[in-house]
Amino acid sequence: MSDYGDDETFKGSSSSSSSSGVSHMVSSHAVGAASGYSVDPVRELGLELEQKQYNTRLLALTKPEKYAEERQREFNKMVAAVTKAYNTSYQGFTDAGMPHEMAKSYALASANTAKQVRRQILETLYPSGANIIGNMATVRDSETSVAHLQGLGGGMAPPARRRAAPRRRAAPRRRR
């Protein structure tokens, strides 16, 4: 049992911070909660993010198809945000009287900024390397693993090292 009550309150994080149990409970006990200002230490210390990332890696390991679908949905959100940023910026710049090429250049810069922000969110929630976890498990469980190739457990001794032949000394030079 923890200081804040039942250990059952800290379960896997869900999509909203208030339904995770800990965030809601701890924020109500946070410094200054009575004054209307509260800090969520779970979120501020990165524990909520850590739990979400763990759940994502677990999903990639156990249900790679579902992980891929969720990552694709988040990628589509990124595409929509980039398109909206470009269109809004381009329209604003052309309405201001900018020539097409200049408005396009500034709009692309705006879209690139939106892309960088959304890419960071995408990689934080659904890292592109998380699918490697499933591949590693497959390799580990396969019959062609390294241990199998080395004789079921790698018990083979490494090959003996050969010593180099001793160097011959050059014959002394004759004097003339």
C-alpha atoms as a PDB file:
ATOM      1  CA  MET A   1       0.000   0.000   0.000  1.00  0.00           C
ATOM      2  CA  SER A   2       1.385   3.419  -0.895  1.00  0.00           C
ATOM      3  CA  ASP A   3       1.130   6.724   0.940  1.00  0.00           C
ATOM      4  CA  TYR A   4      -1.695   7.796  -1.350  1.00  0.00           C
ATOM      5  CA  GLY A   5      -3.937   4.782  -0.909  1.00  0.00           C
ATOM      6  CA  ASP A   6      -4.406   1.546  -2.733  1.00  0.00           C
ATOM      7  CA  ASP A   7      -1.709   0.350  -5.135  1.00  0.00           C
ATOM      8  CA  GLU A   8      -4.590  -0.535  -7.425  1.00  0.00           C
ATOM      9  CA  THR A   9      -4.947   3.137  -8.321  1.00  0.00           C
ATOM     10  CA  PHE A  10      -1.775   3.039 -10.448  1.00  0.00           C
ATOM     11  CA  LYS A  11      -2.712   1.037 -13.473  1.00  0.00           C
ATOM     12  CA  GLY A  12      -1.811   1.534 -17.098  1.00  0.00           C
ATOM     13  CA  SER A  13      -2.374   5.022 -18.374  1.00  0.00           C
ATOM     14  CA  SER A  14      -5.362   5.667 -20.556  1.00  0.00           C
ATOM     15  CA  SER A  15      -5.867   8.361 -23.125  1.00  0.00           C
ATOM     16  CA  SER A  16      -6.773  11.061 -20.609  1.00  0.00           C
ATOM     17  CA  SER A  17      -4.677  11.975 -17.603  1.00  0.00           C
ATOM     18  CA  SER A  18      -7.636  12.299 -15.251  1.00  0.00           C
ATOM     19  CA  SER A  19      -8.707   8.693 -15.800  1.00  0.00           C
ATOM     20  CA  SER A  20      -5.315   7.206 -14.955  1.00  0.00           C
ATOM     21  CA  GLY A  21      -6.066   7.276 -11.245  1.00  0.00           C
ATOM     22  CA  VAL A  22      -2.759   8.629 -10.009  1.00  0.00           C
ATOM     23  CA  SER A  23      -2.791  11.932 -11.883  1.00  0.00           C
ATOM     24  CA  HIS A  24      -6.249  12.858 -10.683  1.00  0.00           C
ATOM     25  CA  MET A  25      -5.628  11.705  -7.133  1.00  0.00           C
ATOM     26  CA  VAL A  26      -2.178  13.293  -6.776  1.00  0.00           C
ATOM     27  CA  SER A  27      -3.209  16.592  -8.358  1.00  0.00           C
ATOM     28  CA  SER A  28      -5.961  16.948  -5.779  1.00  0.00           C
ATOM     29  CA  HIS A  29      -3.260  16.643  -3.083  1.00  0.00           C
ATOM     30  CA  ALA A  30      -0.821  18.942  -4.871  1.00  0.00           C
ATOM     31  CA  VAL A  31       0.631  22.055  -3.300  1.00  0.00           C
ATOM     32  CA  GLY A  32      -1.783  24.939  -3.645  1.00  0.00           C
ATOM     33  CA  ALA A  33      -4.758  22.776  -4.622  1.00  0.00           C
ATOM     34  CA  ALA A  34      -6.944  24.739  -2.221  1.00  0.00           C
ATOM     35  CA  SER A  35      -5.981  28.016  -3.922  1.00  0.00           C
ATOM     36  CA  GLY A  36      -7.091  26.779  -7.332  1.00  0.00           C
ATOM     37  CA  TYR A  37      -3.552  26.333  -8.639  1.00  0.00           C
ATOM     38  CA  SER A  38      -2.338  22.773  -8.749  1.00  0.00           C
ATOM     39  CA  VAL A  39       0.630  20.993 -10.246  1.00  0.00           C
ATOM     40  CA  ASP A  40       0.392  17.411 -11.385  1.00  0.00           C
ATOM     41  CA  PRO A  41       3.738  15.963 -10.229  1.00  0.00           C
ATOM     42  CA  VAL A  42       3.129  12.719 -12.116  1.00  0.00           C
ATOM     43  CA  ARG A  43       2.933  14.628 -15.374  1.00  0.00           C
ATOM     44  CA  GLU A  44       5.593  17.183 -14.458  1.00  0.00           C
ATOM     45  CA  LEU A  45       8.131  14.471 -13.601  1.00  0.00           C
ATOM     46  CA  GLY A  46       7.433  12.606 -16.831  1.00  0.00           C
ATOM     47  CA  LEU A  47       5.880   9.529 -15.245  1.00  0.00           C
ATOM     48  CA  GLU A  48       2.705   9.770 -17.308  1.00  0.00           C
ATOM     49  CA  LEU A  49       4.755   9.970 -20.508  1.00  0.00           C
ATOM     50  CA  GLU A  50       6.915   7.062 -19.356  1.00  0.00           C
ATOM     51  CA  GLN A  51       3.815   4.928 -18.765  1.00  0.00           C
ATOM     52  CA  LYS A  52       2.351   5.818 -22.165  1.00  0.00           C
ATOM     53  CA  GLN A  53       5.638   4.963 -23.881  1.00  0.00           C
ATOM     54  CA  TYR A  54       5.799   1.638 -22.049  1.00  0.00           C
ATOM     55  CA  ASN A  55       2.227   0.834 -23.103  1.00  0.00           C
ATOM     56  CA  THR A  56       3.123   1.726 -26.693  1.00  0.00           C
ATOM     57  CA  ARG A  57       6.169  -0.564 -26.718  1.00  0.00           C
ATOM     58  CA  LEU A  58       4.061  -3.330 -25.175  1.00  0.00           C
ATOM     59  CA  LEU A  59       1.426  -2.831 -27.868  1.00  0.00           C
ATOM     60  CA  ALA A  60       4.095  -2.991 -30.582  1.00  0.00           C
ATOM     61  CA  LEU A  61       5.358  -6.243 -29.098  1.00  0.00           C
ATOM     62  CA  THR A  62       2.046  -7.965 -28.498  1.00  0.00           C
ATOM     63  CA  LYS A  63      -0.218  -6.521 -31.210  1.00  0.00           C
ATOM     64  CA  PRO A  64       1.931  -5.062 -34.009  1.00  0.00           C
ATOM     65  CA  GLU A  65      -1.047  -4.660 -36.373  1.00  0.00           C
ATOM     66  CA  LYS A  66      -2.949  -2.520 -33.866  1.00  0.00           C
ATOM     67  CA  TYR A  67       0.213  -0.508 -33.172  1.00  0.00           C
ATOM     68  CA  ALA A  68       0.630   0.122 -36.906  1.00  0.00           C
ATOM     69  CA  GLU A  69      -3.002   1.241 -37.233  1.00  0.00           C
ATOM     70  CA  GLU A  70      -2.718   3.678 -34.315  1.00  0.00           C
ATOM     71  CA  ARG A  71       0.575   5.048 -35.608  1.00  0.00           C
ATOM     72  CA  GLN A  72      -0.966   5.542 -39.049  1.00  0.00           C
ATOM     73  CA  ARG A  73      -3.877   7.469 -37.504  1.00  0.00           C
ATOM     74  CA  GLU A  74      -1.403   9.765 -35.724  1.00  0.00           C
ATOM     75  CA  PHE A  75       0.568  10.158 -38.963  1.00  0.00           C
ATOM     76  CA  ASN A  76      -2.644  11.184 -40.748  1.00  0.00           C
ATOM     77  CA  LYS A  77      -3.196  13.829 -38.049  1.00  0.00           C
ATOM     78  CA  MET A  78       0.293  15.148 -38.797  1.00  0.00           C
ATOM     79  CA  VAL A  79      -0.476  15.337 -42.517  1.00  0.00           C
ATOM     80  CA  ALA A  80      -3.728  17.192 -41.819  1.00  0.00           C
ATOM     81  CA  ALA A  81      -1.968  19.678 -39.498  1.00  0.00           C
ATOM     82  CA  VAL A  82       0.782  20.344 -42.065  1.00  0.00           C
ATOM     83  CA  THR A  83      -1.742  20.851 -44.860  1.00  0.00           C
ATOM     84  CA  LYS A  84      -3.831  23.198 -42.716  1.00  0.00           C
ATOM     85  CA  ALA A  85      -0.750  25.217 -41.675  1.00  0.00           C
ATOM     86  CA  TYR A  86       0.320  25.595 -45.305  1.00  0.00           C
ATOM     87  CA  ASN A  87      -3.130  26.547 -46.593  1.00  0.00           C
ATOM     88  CA  THR A  88      -3.814  29.023 -43.778  1.00  0.00           C
ATOM     89  CA  SER A  89      -0.401  30.678 -44.127  1.00  0.00           C
ATOM     90  CA  TYR A  90      -0.503  30.815 -47.911  1.00  0.00           C
ATOM     91  CA  GLN A  91      -3.963  32.351 -47.887  1.00  0.00           C
ATOM     92  CA  GLY A  92      -2.927  34.933 -45.294  1.00  0.00           C
ATOM     93  CA  PHE A  93       0.220  35.914 -47.195  1.00  0.00           C
ATOM     94  CA  THR A  94      -1.534  36.196 -50.559  1.00  0.00           C
ATOM     95  CA  ASP A  95      -4.344  38.212 -48.957  1.00  0.00           C
ATOM     96  CA  ALA A  96      -1.648  40.540 -47.634  1.00  0.00           C
ATOM     97  CA  GLY A  97      -0.524  41.123 -51.223  1.00  0.00           C
ATOM     98  CA  MET A  98       2.604  38.964 -51.378  1.00  0.00           C
ATOM     99  CA  PRO A  99       3.631  37.517 -54.730  1.00  0.00           C
ATOM    100  CA  HIS A 100       2.914  33.802 -55.242  1.00  0.00           C
ATOM    101  CA  GLU A 101       6.508  32.563 -54.859  1.00  0.00           C
ATOM    102  CA  MET A 102       7.127  34.573 -51.696  1.00  0.00           C
ATOM    103  CA  ALA A 103       3.802  33.467 -50.150  1.00  0.00           C
ATOM    104  CA  LYS A 104       4.600  29.875 -51.089  1.00  0.00           C
ATOM    105  CA  SER A 105       8.043  30.096 -49.482  1.00  0.00           C
ATOM    106  CA  TYR A 106       6.692  31.486 -46.210  1.00  0.00           C
ATOM    107  CA  ALA A 107       3.796  29.013 -46.195  1.00  0.00           C
ATOM    108  CA  LEU A 108       6.205  26.101 -46.664  1.00  0.00           C
ATOM    109  CA  ALA A 109       8.273  27.368 -43.735  1.00  0.00           C
ATOM    110  CA  SER A 110       5.111  27.484 -41.624  1.00  0.00           C
ATOM    111  CA  ALA A 111       4.120  23.988 -42.758  1.00  0.00           C
ATOM    112  CA  ASN A 112       7.618  22.716 -41.960  1.00  0.00           C
ATOM    113  CA  THR A 113       7.346  24.056 -38.414  1.00  0.00           C
ATOM    114  CA  ALA A 114       3.996  22.318 -37.990  1.00  0.00           C
ATOM    115  CA  LYS A 115       5.545  19.133 -39.383  1.00  0.00           C
ATOM    116  CA  GLN A 116       8.417  19.238 -36.891  1.00  0.00           C
ATOM    117  CA  VAL A 117       6.052  19.697 -33.955  1.00  0.00           C
ATOM    118  CA  ARG A 118       3.688  16.950 -35.087  1.00  0.00           C
ATOM    119  CA  ARG A 119       6.605  14.622 -35.941  1.00  0.00           C
ATOM    120  CA  GLN A 120       7.879  15.007 -32.374  1.00  0.00           C
ATOM    121  CA  ILE A 121       4.433  14.091 -31.042  1.00  0.00           C
ATOM    122  CA  LEU A 122       4.251  11.109 -33.410  1.00  0.00           C
ATOM    123  CA  GLU A 123       7.683   9.809 -32.436  1.00  0.00           C
ATOM    124  CA  THR A 124       6.954  10.335 -28.740  1.00  0.00           C
ATOM    125  CA  LEU A 125       3.667   8.448 -28.837  1.00  0.00           C
ATOM    126  CA  TYR A 126       4.546   5.869 -31.497  1.00  0.00           C
ATOM    127  CA  PRO A 127       8.308   5.612 -32.014  1.00  0.00           C
ATOM    128  CA  SER A 128       9.293   4.286 -35.400  1.00  0.00           C
ATOM    129  CA  GLY A 129      11.747   1.883 -33.771  1.00  0.00           C
ATOM    130  CA  ALA A 130       9.103   0.205 -31.596  1.00  0.00           C
ATOM    131  CA  ASN A 131       8.315  -2.345 -34.279  1.00  0.00           C
ATOM    132  CA  ILE A 132      11.865  -3.623 -33.849  1.00  0.00           C
ATOM    133  CA  ILE A 133      10.758  -5.029 -30.486  1.00  0.00           C
ATOM    134  CA  GLY A 134       8.433  -7.492 -32.209  1.00  0.00           C
ATOM    135  CA  ASN A 135      11.110  -8.398 -34.728  1.00  0.00           C
ATOM    136  CA  MET A 136      13.628  -9.013 -31.941  1.00  0.00           C
ATOM    137  CA  ALA A 137      11.190 -11.343 -30.176  1.00  0.00           C
ATOM    138  CA  THR A 138      10.691 -13.241 -33.399  1.00  0.00           C
ATOM    139  CA  VAL A 139      14.420 -13.611 -33.904  1.00  0.00           C
ATOM    140  CA  ARG A 140      14.942 -14.691 -30.312  1.00  0.00           C
ATOM    141  CA  ASP A 141      12.280 -17.384 -30.601  1.00  0.00           C
ATOM    142  CA  SER A 142      13.254 -18.663 -34.016  1.00  0.00           C
ATOM    143  CA  GLU A 143      15.067 -21.938 -34.512  1.00  0.00           C
ATOM    144  CA  THR A 144      17.754 -20.222 -36.560  1.00  0.00           C
ATOM    145  CA  SER A 145      18.956 -18.098 -33.674  1.00  0.00           C
ATOM    146  CA  VAL A 146      22.639 -17.687 -33.016  1.00  0.00           C
ATOM    147  CA  ALA A 147      22.583 -20.208 -30.172  1.00  0.00           C
ATOM    148  CA  HIS A 148      21.057 -22.808 -32.466  1.00  0.00           C
ATOM    149  CA  LEU A 149      23.648 -22.195 -35.131  1.00  0.00           C
ATOM    150  CA  GLN A 150      26.420 -22.615 -32.581  1.00  0.00           C
ATOM    151  CA  GLY A 151      25.170 -25.992 -31.407  1.00  0.00           C
ATOM    152  CA  LEU A 152      22.209 -25.265 -29.127  1.00  0.00           C
ATOM    153  CA  GLY A 153      23.704 -23.071 -26.496  1.00  0.00           C
ATOM    154  CA  GLY A 154      26.862 -21.843 -28.089  1.00  0.00           C
ATOM    155  CA  GLY A 155      29.014 -24.537 -26.439  1.00  0.00           C
ATOM    156  CA  MET A 156      31.486 -24.711 -29.299  1.00  0.00           C
ATOM    157  CA  ALA A 157      34.959 -23.543 -28.449  1.00  0.00           C
ATOM    158  CA  PRO A 158      36.344 -20.682 -30.478  1.00  0.00           C
ATOM    159  CA  PRO A 159      38.973 -21.641 -33.049  1.00  0.00           C
ATOM    160  CA  ALA A 160      42.538 -21.804 -31.746  1.00  0.00           C
ATOM    161  CA  ARG A 161      44.708 -18.829 -32.596  1.00  0.00           C
ATOM    162  CA  ARG A 162      47.768 -19.529 -34.661  1.00  0.00           C
ATOM    163  CA  ARG A 163      51.055 -18.014 -33.641  1.00  0.00           C
ATOM    164  CA  ALA A 164      52.986 -16.129 -36.231  1.00  0.00           C
ATOM    165  CA  ALA A 165      56.173 -17.749 -37.474  1.00  0.00           C
ATOM    166  CA  PRO A 166      59.326 -16.328 -35.905  1.00  0.00           C
ATOM    167  CA  ARG A 167      61.045 -13.648 -37.944  1.00  0.00           C
ATOM    168  CA  ARG A 168      64.275 -14.543 -39.647  1.00  0.00           C
ATOM    169  CA  ARG A 169      67.162 -12.259 -39.209  1.00  0.00           C
ATOM    170  CA  ALA A 170      68.708 -10.837 -42.287  1.00  0.00           C
ATOM    171  CA  ALA A 171      72.139 -12.172 -43.175  1.00  0.00           C
ATOM    172  CA  PRO A 172      74.920  -9.810 -42.299  1.00  0.00           C
ATOM    173  CA  ARG A 173      76.242  -7.702 -45.190  1.00  0.00           C
ATOM    174  CA  ARG A 174      79.643  -8.332 -46.555  1.00  0.00           C
ATOM    175  CA  ARG A 175      82.102  -5.548 -46.594  1.00  0.00           C
ATOM    176  CA  ARG A 176      84.033  -4.803 -49.740  1.00  0.00           C
END
